[in-house]
């Protein structure tokens, strides 16, 4: 039952993060002029805006594609964990919006997202924290120390232990049993043999 819940939660986090990152990338790519204008309104140099204008949609799309590869090819481990990239990107954006919303910059950061455009910065932070939590949960459930992997590793260890016991102990016992029988036959008071009448 526990493994079933872990599996359902793992698949759900995969699908949710896949849809989130693909939506974010496609939404940004469909509205590139508005995205570039909102980046130019941010409280950082304009050359950063030009660089992020090209890089952010590609990174978002790349993370979405990594989630898609991970979801459709579960048996093959990826070199780069998409959950880790998701955590890093969301943490950077959360720290940036938190610093901007707390008044550290001269002007507040200007948000761009078609779904989140009407939200306050407090709600942006809450949504980002929820997304970071989902990413951490997915990383935990799909990483090398997942409960399912530990269960499978335990089953493998038990199988190896049983096989080791069977191969070594049974063979050792059979060899010792043969030796004991030979020794008993050699030193018996009445050697075993057919009784002649």
Protein backbone atom coordinates (compact mmCIF):
# COMPACT_ATOMS: atom_id res chain seq x y z
CA UNK A 1 0.00 0.00 0.00
CA UNK A 2 2.81 2.35 0.92
CA UNK A 3 4.63 1.71 -2.35
CA UNK A 4 1.42 2.36 -4.28
CA UNK A 5 0.98 5.76 -2.58
CA UNK A 6 4.62 6.66 -3.28
CA UNK A 7 4.21 5.64 -6.92
CA UNK A 8 1.02 7.69 -7.38
CA UNK A 9 2.59 10.72 -5.67
CA UNK A 10 5.74 10.36 -7.75
CA UNK A 11 3.80 10.20 -11.03
CA UNK A 12 1.59 13.12 -9.95
CA UNK A 13 4.57 15.35 -9.18
CA UNK A 14 6.15 14.39 -12.52
CA UNK A 15 3.00 15.29 -14.45
CA UNK A 16 2.38 18.50 -12.49
CA UNK A 17 5.92 19.81 -12.95
CA UNK A 18 5.94 18.74 -16.61
CA UNK A 19 2.73 20.70 -17.27
CA UNK A 20 3.89 23.70 -15.22
CA UNK A 21 7.25 24.11 -16.98
CA UNK A 22 5.86 23.46 -20.45
CA UNK A 23 3.07 25.96 -19.82
CA UNK A 24 5.54 28.57 -18.53
CA UNK A 25 7.83 28.08 -21.55
CA UNK A 26 5.06 28.11 -24.16
CA UNK A 27 3.37 31.12 -22.54
CA UNK A 28 6.65 33.03 -22.56
CA UNK A 29 7.42 32.06 -26.16
CA UNK A 30 3.94 33.07 -27.36
CA UNK A 31 4.22 36.51 -25.75
CA UNK A 32 7.89 37.36 -26.34
CA UNK A 33 7.45 41.14 -26.89
CA UNK A 34 5.49 41.55 -23.63
CA UNK A 35 8.01 39.36 -21.82
CA UNK A 36 10.91 41.46 -23.11
CA UNK A 37 9.13 44.69 -22.12
CA UNK A 38 8.49 43.36 -18.61
CA UNK A 39 12.15 42.36 -18.31
CA UNK A 40 13.22 45.87 -19.31
CA UNK A 41 11.04 47.25 -16.48
CA UNK A 42 12.90 45.16 -13.90
CA UNK A 43 15.37 46.80 -11.49
CA UNK A 44 18.49 45.38 -13.15
CA UNK A 45 20.62 46.46 -16.15
CA UNK A 46 19.08 46.27 -19.61
CA UNK A 47 21.80 43.91 -20.87
CA UNK A 48 20.61 41.42 -18.24
CA UNK A 49 17.12 41.78 -19.68
CA UNK A 50 18.40 41.00 -23.17
CA UNK A 51 20.29 37.96 -21.91
CA UNK A 52 17.37 36.67 -19.81
CA UNK A 53 14.97 37.34 -22.70
CA UNK A 54 16.76 34.64 -24.69
CA UNK A 55 17.81 32.34 -21.88
CA UNK A 56 14.74 31.99 -19.62
CA UNK A 57 12.31 30.53 -22.19
CA UNK A 58 14.96 28.07 -23.36
CA UNK A 59 15.74 26.97 -19.79
CA UNK A 60 12.03 26.61 -18.96
CA UNK A 61 11.44 24.59 -22.12
CA UNK A 62 14.53 22.49 -21.38
CA UNK A 63 13.29 21.67 -17.88
CA UNK A 64 9.88 20.76 -19.31
CA UNK A 65 11.50 18.49 -21.90
CA UNK A 66 13.62 16.84 -19.19
CA UNK A 67 10.44 16.15 -17.22
CA UNK A 68 8.83 14.70 -20.37
CA UNK A 69 11.83 12.45 -21.01
CA UNK A 70 11.85 11.42 -17.37
CA UNK A 71 8.12 10.64 -17.42
CA UNK A 72 8.07 8.65 -20.65
CA UNK A 73 11.39 6.83 -20.13
CA UNK A 74 11.33 5.96 -16.45
CA UNK A 75 13.74 3.06 -16.81
CA UNK A 76 16.61 5.22 -18.05
CA UNK A 77 18.19 7.56 -15.48
CA UNK A 78 18.90 11.09 -16.65
CA UNK A 79 22.25 12.79 -16.32
CA UNK A 80 20.59 15.99 -15.09
CA UNK A 81 17.79 15.78 -12.55
CA UNK A 82 14.94 18.09 -13.68
CA UNK A 83 13.73 18.42 -10.10
CA UNK A 84 17.07 19.87 -9.06
CA UNK A 85 16.99 22.38 -11.94
CA UNK A 86 13.41 23.26 -11.01
CA UNK A 87 14.37 23.86 -7.38
CA UNK A 88 17.31 26.07 -8.40
CA UNK A 89 15.33 28.20 -10.87
CA UNK A 90 12.33 28.59 -8.56
CA UNK A 91 14.57 29.47 -5.61
CA UNK A 92 16.37 32.17 -7.61
CA UNK A 93 13.06 33.66 -8.74
CA UNK A 94 11.60 33.44 -5.21
CA UNK A 95 14.59 35.21 -3.65
CA UNK A 96 14.46 37.88 -6.36
CA UNK A 97 10.74 38.54 -5.89
CA UNK A 98 11.06 38.46 -2.11
CA UNK A 99 13.84 41.05 -2.16
CA UNK A 100 11.83 43.19 -4.56
CA UNK A 101 8.59 42.89 -2.63
CA UNK A 102 10.30 43.73 0.65
CA UNK A 103 11.45 47.07 -0.78
CA UNK A 104 15.15 46.40 -1.21
CA UNK A 105 15.10 47.72 -4.80
CA UNK A 106 14.22 51.29 -5.80
CA UNK A 107 11.24 49.99 -7.74
CA UNK A 108 9.24 46.81 -7.26
CA UNK A 109 9.86 44.05 -9.76
CA UNK A 110 7.34 43.93 -12.55
CA UNK A 111 5.75 40.52 -12.90
CA UNK A 112 4.94 38.79 -16.13
CA UNK A 113 2.83 35.68 -16.45
CA UNK A 114 -0.57 35.53 -18.04
CA UNK A 115 -2.11 33.47 -15.23
CA UNK A 116 -0.29 35.15 -12.36
CA UNK A 117 -0.48 38.73 -13.68
CA UNK A 118 -3.34 39.73 -11.37
CA UNK A 119 -1.75 38.34 -8.22
CA UNK A 120 0.02 40.36 -5.55
CA UNK A 121 3.66 39.69 -4.73
CA UNK A 122 2.64 37.93 -1.53
CA UNK A 123 0.62 35.43 -3.54
CA UNK A 124 3.52 35.06 -6.00
CA UNK A 125 5.78 34.09 -3.10
CA UNK A 126 3.24 31.59 -1.74
CA UNK A 127 2.83 29.98 -5.17
CA UNK A 128 6.61 29.83 -5.62
CA UNK A 129 7.05 28.23 -2.20
CA UNK A 130 4.39 25.63 -3.06
CA UNK A 131 6.17 24.93 -6.36
CA UNK A 132 9.51 24.60 -4.55
CA UNK A 133 7.88 22.20 -2.07
CA UNK A 134 6.46 20.09 -4.92
CA UNK A 135 9.90 20.05 -6.57
CA UNK A 136 11.60 18.95 -3.35
CA UNK A 137 8.94 16.28 -2.83
CA UNK A 138 9.44 15.03 -6.38
CA UNK A 139 13.21 15.05 -5.95
CA UNK A 140 12.86 13.03 -2.75
CA UNK A 141 10.44 10.54 -4.32
CA UNK A 142 12.41 10.14 -7.56
CA UNK A 143 15.98 10.53 -6.35
CA UNK A 144 18.53 7.82 -5.56
CA UNK A 145 17.30 7.53 -1.95
CA UNK A 146 13.60 7.14 -2.69
CA UNK A 147 11.52 4.94 -0.42
CA UNK A 148 10.67 2.71 -3.40
CA UNK A 149 14.32 2.30 -4.33
CA UNK A 150 15.22 1.53 -0.73
CA UNK A 151 12.46 -1.10 -0.65
CA UNK A 152 13.75 -2.64 -3.88
CA UNK A 153 17.32 -2.53 -2.57
CA UNK A 154 16.15 -4.27 0.62
CA UNK A 155 14.41 -6.94 -1.45
CA UNK A 156 17.58 -7.44 -3.53
CA UNK A 157 19.71 -7.70 -0.39
CA UNK A 158 17.31 -10.24 1.08
CA UNK A 159 17.37 -12.23 -2.16
CA UNK A 160 21.18 -12.16 -2.21
CA UNK A 161 21.28 -13.20 1.45
CA UNK A 162 18.94 -16.12 0.85
CA UNK A 163 20.90 -17.19 -2.23
CA UNK A 164 24.17 -16.93 -0.31
CA UNK A 165 22.77 -19.00 2.54
CA UNK A 166 21.47 -21.63 0.15
CA UNK A 167 24.64 -21.89 -1.91
CA UNK A 168 27.23 -21.76 0.86
CA UNK A 169 25.49 -23.36 3.81
CA UNK A 170 23.77 -26.17 1.94
CA UNK A 171 26.90 -27.08 -0.01
CA UNK A 172 29.01 -26.91 3.15
CA UNK A 173 26.50 -29.04 5.02
CA UNK A 174 26.39 -31.66 2.26
CA UNK A 175 30.21 -31.88 2.14
CA UNK A 176 30.42 -32.22 5.93
CA UNK A 177 27.66 -34.81 5.95
CA UNK A 178 29.56 -36.96 3.42
CA UNK A 179 32.75 -36.68 5.49
CA UNK A 180 30.98 -37.62 8.70
CA UNK A 181 29.42 -40.68 7.06
CA UNK A 182 32.83 -41.84 5.78
CA UNK A 183 34.40 -41.35 9.21
CA UNK A 184 31.59 -43.24 10.92
CA UNK A 185 31.92 -46.13 8.47
CA UNK A 186 35.68 -46.35 8.97
CA UNK A 187 35.66 -46.37 12.78
CA UNK A 188 32.41 -48.21 13.45
CA UNK A 189 32.43 -51.11 15.93
CA UNK A 190 30.36 -53.17 13.62
CA UNK A 191 31.07 -52.27 10.02
CA UNK A 192 27.98 -51.92 7.99
CA UNK A 193 27.48 -54.60 5.50
CA UNK A 194 25.10 -57.31 4.57
CA UNK A 195 24.36 -59.85 7.26
CA UNK A 196 25.00 -63.41 6.11
CA UNK A 197 22.87 -66.08 7.60
